[in-house]
Amino acid sequence: MNSHSGGLRKLGADLLLLAVAFFWGVTFVVVKDAIQTVEVFVFLSQRFGFAGGILLIFCLFRRTSFHVDVLKRGVVLGLFLFGGFAFQTVALLYTTASNTAFLTGLNVVFVPIIGAFIFTEKITRTMVGGVMLATVGLFLLCTHGTWSFNVGDLLAGICAVCVALHVIYTGKYARQSDVYWLTAVHNSS
């Protein structure tokens, strides 16, 4: 591969990452508006039922075998995913979209810490420094430097823990399972 095509791939990857960040941020405002007209769990069941159905059809067309282990792992991931979205969506009823984004974003900080406890790994100074910088950065980015604590913020914090557990166990289970079936199961559970 020449340097020109490598540069284009990097630019494409950067643009896709920017698009993901944009849609992640916009989602908080859109969902906050949506749950003003539709009950939270109706909204979530429609969202995940639709995604799970599409993934199930995709898996059936792939014609790969389904294993019971995938069902067990998928249900665990589905519970963490449900917890993340349920706590986040309910939090939006009681707090601002920026507070919810900040607290949900703390999952990035929680992943190495919770992962270290689960897998009995050492927490390094570099990890602590990264956690502190990420926390301050997320706070300034999402809350404009001001924040008042309420019940919605607590729910968004619980969401961050659920998302962190989802990330940790996805990393573990994806190595052990057909990722397409795993994704279909955990989006449908």
Protein backbone atom coordinates (compact mmCIF):
# COMPACT_ATOMS: atom_id res chain seq x y z
CA MET A 1 0.00 0.00 0.00
CA ASN A 2 1.42 3.40 -0.90
CA SER A 3 1.48 6.38 1.45
CA HIS A 4 -1.31 8.16 -0.44
CA SER A 5 -3.83 5.36 0.07
CA GLY A 6 -2.68 4.96 3.69
CA GLY A 7 -3.34 8.68 4.23
CA LEU A 8 -6.79 8.38 2.67
CA ARG A 9 -7.65 5.41 4.91
CA LYS A 10 -6.54 7.38 7.99
CA LEU A 11 -8.59 10.39 6.88
CA GLY A 12 -11.60 8.13 6.28
CA ALA A 13 -11.20 6.56 9.72
CA ASP A 14 -10.90 10.01 11.32
CA LEU A 15 -14.04 11.21 9.54
CA LEU A 16 -15.97 8.13 10.64
CA LEU A 17 -14.84 8.65 14.23
CA LEU A 18 -15.97 12.28 14.02
CA ALA A 19 -19.36 11.14 12.67
CA VAL A 20 -19.75 8.63 15.52
CA ALA A 21 -18.92 11.32 18.10
CA PHE A 22 -21.40 13.70 16.46
CA PHE A 23 -24.25 11.19 16.45
CA TRP A 24 -23.42 10.07 20.01
CA GLY A 25 -23.76 13.66 21.22
CA VAL A 26 -26.90 14.42 19.23
CA THR A 27 -28.57 11.24 20.48
CA PHE A 28 -28.91 12.63 24.02
CA VAL A 29 -30.99 15.57 22.83
CA VAL A 30 -33.06 13.45 20.43
CA VAL A 31 -33.83 10.81 23.07
CA LYS A 32 -34.65 13.46 25.67
CA ASP A 33 -37.21 14.89 23.23
CA ALA A 34 -38.53 11.44 22.25
CA ILE A 35 -39.26 10.34 25.80
CA GLN A 36 -41.40 13.41 26.33
CA THR A 37 -43.96 11.86 23.96
CA VAL A 38 -43.31 8.10 24.25
CA GLU A 39 -42.99 6.08 27.49
CA VAL A 40 -39.36 5.16 28.22
CA PHE A 41 -39.66 1.39 28.07
CA VAL A 42 -41.90 1.46 25.00
CA PHE A 43 -39.24 3.57 23.29
CA LEU A 44 -36.46 1.18 24.33
CA SER A 45 -38.37 -1.98 23.39
CA GLN A 46 -39.13 -0.59 19.93
CA ARG A 47 -35.52 0.50 19.46
CA PHE A 48 -33.97 -2.82 20.45
CA GLY A 49 -36.72 -5.01 19.02
CA PHE A 50 -36.15 -3.46 15.61
CA ALA A 51 -32.34 -3.79 15.85
CA GLY A 52 -32.55 -7.36 17.16
CA GLY A 53 -34.94 -8.36 14.37
CA ILE A 54 -32.64 -7.02 11.67
CA LEU A 55 -29.64 -8.77 13.21
CA LEU A 56 -31.56 -12.04 13.56
CA ILE A 57 -32.48 -11.98 9.86
CA PHE A 58 -28.84 -11.25 9.00
CA CYS A 59 -27.64 -14.20 11.10
CA LEU A 60 -30.17 -16.56 9.55
CA PHE A 61 -28.99 -15.61 6.06
CA ARG A 62 -25.38 -16.26 7.10
CA ARG A 63 -26.40 -19.83 7.93
CA THR A 64 -23.84 -20.28 10.69
CA SER A 65 -24.62 -22.57 13.57
CA PHE A 66 -26.02 -21.21 16.81
CA HIS A 67 -24.56 -22.44 20.12
CA VAL A 68 -26.21 -22.34 23.54
CA ASP A 69 -23.10 -20.63 24.99
CA VAL A 70 -23.89 -17.63 22.79
CA LEU A 71 -27.35 -17.45 24.32
CA LYS A 72 -25.93 -17.34 27.87
CA ARG A 73 -23.30 -14.74 27.00
CA GLY A 74 -25.74 -12.72 24.94
CA VAL A 75 -28.25 -12.54 27.79
CA VAL A 76 -25.54 -11.30 30.17
CA LEU A 77 -24.51 -8.63 27.65
CA GLY A 78 -28.17 -7.83 26.99
CA LEU A 79 -28.76 -7.19 30.70
CA PHE A 80 -25.81 -4.80 30.87
CA LEU A 81 -26.90 -3.09 27.65
CA PHE A 82 -30.48 -2.81 28.86
CA GLY A 83 -29.27 -1.41 32.19
CA GLY A 84 -27.15 1.17 30.41
CA PHE A 85 -29.92 2.36 28.11
CA ALA A 86 -32.70 2.14 30.69
CA PHE A 87 -30.83 4.11 33.36
CA GLN A 88 -29.61 6.63 30.78
CA THR A 89 -33.05 7.17 29.28
CA VAL A 90 -34.80 7.49 32.63
CA ALA A 91 -32.04 9.84 33.78
CA LEU A 92 -32.94 12.16 30.91
CA LEU A 93 -36.36 12.63 32.52
CA TYR A 94 -34.73 14.19 35.60
CA THR A 95 -31.51 15.85 34.47
CA THR A 96 -30.04 17.71 31.54
CA ALA A 97 -28.74 16.09 28.37
CA SER A 98 -25.26 17.50 29.13
CA ASN A 99 -25.14 15.99 32.63
CA THR A 100 -26.33 12.65 31.23
CA ALA A 101 -23.69 12.79 28.49
CA PHE A 102 -20.97 13.59 31.02
CA LEU A 103 -21.94 10.82 33.40
CA THR A 104 -22.49 8.27 30.64
CA GLY A 105 -19.09 9.23 29.22
CA LEU A 106 -17.54 8.24 32.53
CA ASN A 107 -17.88 4.63 31.35
CA VAL A 108 -14.58 5.27 29.57
CA VAL A 109 -13.07 5.99 32.97
CA PHE A 110 -14.79 3.05 34.67
CA VAL A 111 -13.72 0.39 32.13
CA PRO A 112 -10.05 0.16 33.22
CA ILE A 113 -10.90 0.48 36.91
CA ILE A 114 -13.72 -2.08 36.99
CA GLY A 115 -11.80 -4.32 34.58
CA ALA A 116 -8.78 -4.27 36.89
CA PHE A 117 -10.96 -5.38 39.82
CA ILE A 118 -12.78 -8.09 37.87
CA PHE A 119 -9.63 -9.56 36.35
CA THR A 120 -7.47 -8.79 39.44
CA GLU A 121 -5.02 -6.59 37.58
CA LYS A 122 -2.90 -3.84 39.05
CA ILE A 123 -4.12 -0.24 38.71
CA THR A 124 -1.11 1.74 37.50
CA ARG A 125 -0.27 5.40 38.03
CA THR A 126 -0.70 5.94 34.31
CA MET A 127 -4.21 4.52 34.56
CA VAL A 128 -5.04 6.80 37.50
CA GLY A 129 -3.67 9.83 35.63
CA GLY A 130 -5.67 8.94 32.52
CA VAL A 131 -8.82 8.49 34.57
CA MET A 132 -8.36 11.87 36.24
CA LEU A 133 -7.69 13.67 32.94
CA ALA A 134 -10.63 11.98 31.22
CA THR A 135 -12.97 12.86 34.10
CA VAL A 136 -11.96 16.53 34.13
CA GLY A 137 -12.09 16.70 30.33
CA LEU A 138 -15.54 15.13 30.15
CA PHE A 139 -16.78 17.42 32.91
CA LEU A 140 -15.60 20.56 31.12
CA LEU A 141 -16.77 19.34 27.72
CA CYS A 142 -20.27 18.26 28.73
CA THR A 143 -21.26 20.52 31.63
CA HIS A 144 -19.62 23.86 30.80
CA GLY A 145 -17.97 23.73 34.23
CA THR A 146 -21.17 23.89 36.30
CA TRP A 147 -23.15 21.03 37.73
CA SER A 148 -25.87 20.49 40.30
CA PHE A 149 -26.48 16.92 41.45
CA ASN A 150 -29.94 15.30 41.29
CA VAL A 151 -31.58 11.87 41.04
CA GLY A 152 -31.16 11.84 37.25
CA ASP A 153 -27.40 12.24 37.71
CA LEU A 154 -27.34 9.21 40.01
CA LEU A 155 -29.22 7.17 37.40
CA ALA A 156 -26.78 8.32 34.69
CA GLY A 157 -23.88 7.25 36.93
CA ILE A 158 -25.42 3.77 37.26
CA CYS A 159 -25.78 3.79 33.46
CA ALA A 160 -22.03 4.42 33.14
CA VAL A 161 -21.26 1.40 35.32
CA CYS A 162 -23.61 -0.79 33.21
CA VAL A 163 -21.99 0.44 29.99
CA ALA A 164 -18.51 -0.21 31.42
CA LEU A 165 -19.51 -3.76 32.35
CA HIS A 166 -20.97 -4.21 28.87
CA VAL A 167 -17.69 -3.10 27.27
CA ILE A 168 -15.60 -5.33 29.55
CA TYR A 169 -17.68 -8.46 29.00
CA THR A 170 -18.11 -7.78 25.28
CA GLY A 171 -14.32 -7.86 25.02
CA LYS A 172 -14.25 -11.16 26.85
CA TYR A 173 -17.22 -12.86 25.15
CA ALA A 174 -16.47 -11.69 21.60
CA ARG A 175 -13.31 -13.81 21.65
CA GLN A 176 -15.34 -16.88 22.61
CA SER A 177 -18.42 -16.55 20.37
CA ASP A 178 -19.69 -15.90 16.87
CA VAL A 179 -19.93 -12.11 17.14
CA TYR A 180 -22.92 -11.86 14.80
CA TRP A 181 -25.05 -14.25 16.85
CA LEU A 182 -23.76 -12.69 20.07
CA THR A 183 -24.80 -9.24 18.86
CA ALA A 184 -28.20 -10.48 17.70
CA VAL A 185 -28.91 -12.19 21.03
CA HIS A 186 -27.75 -9.36 23.24
CA ASN A 187 -29.69 -6.75 21.25
CA SER A 188 -32.82 -8.89 21.48
CA SER A 189 -32.62 -9.80 25.17
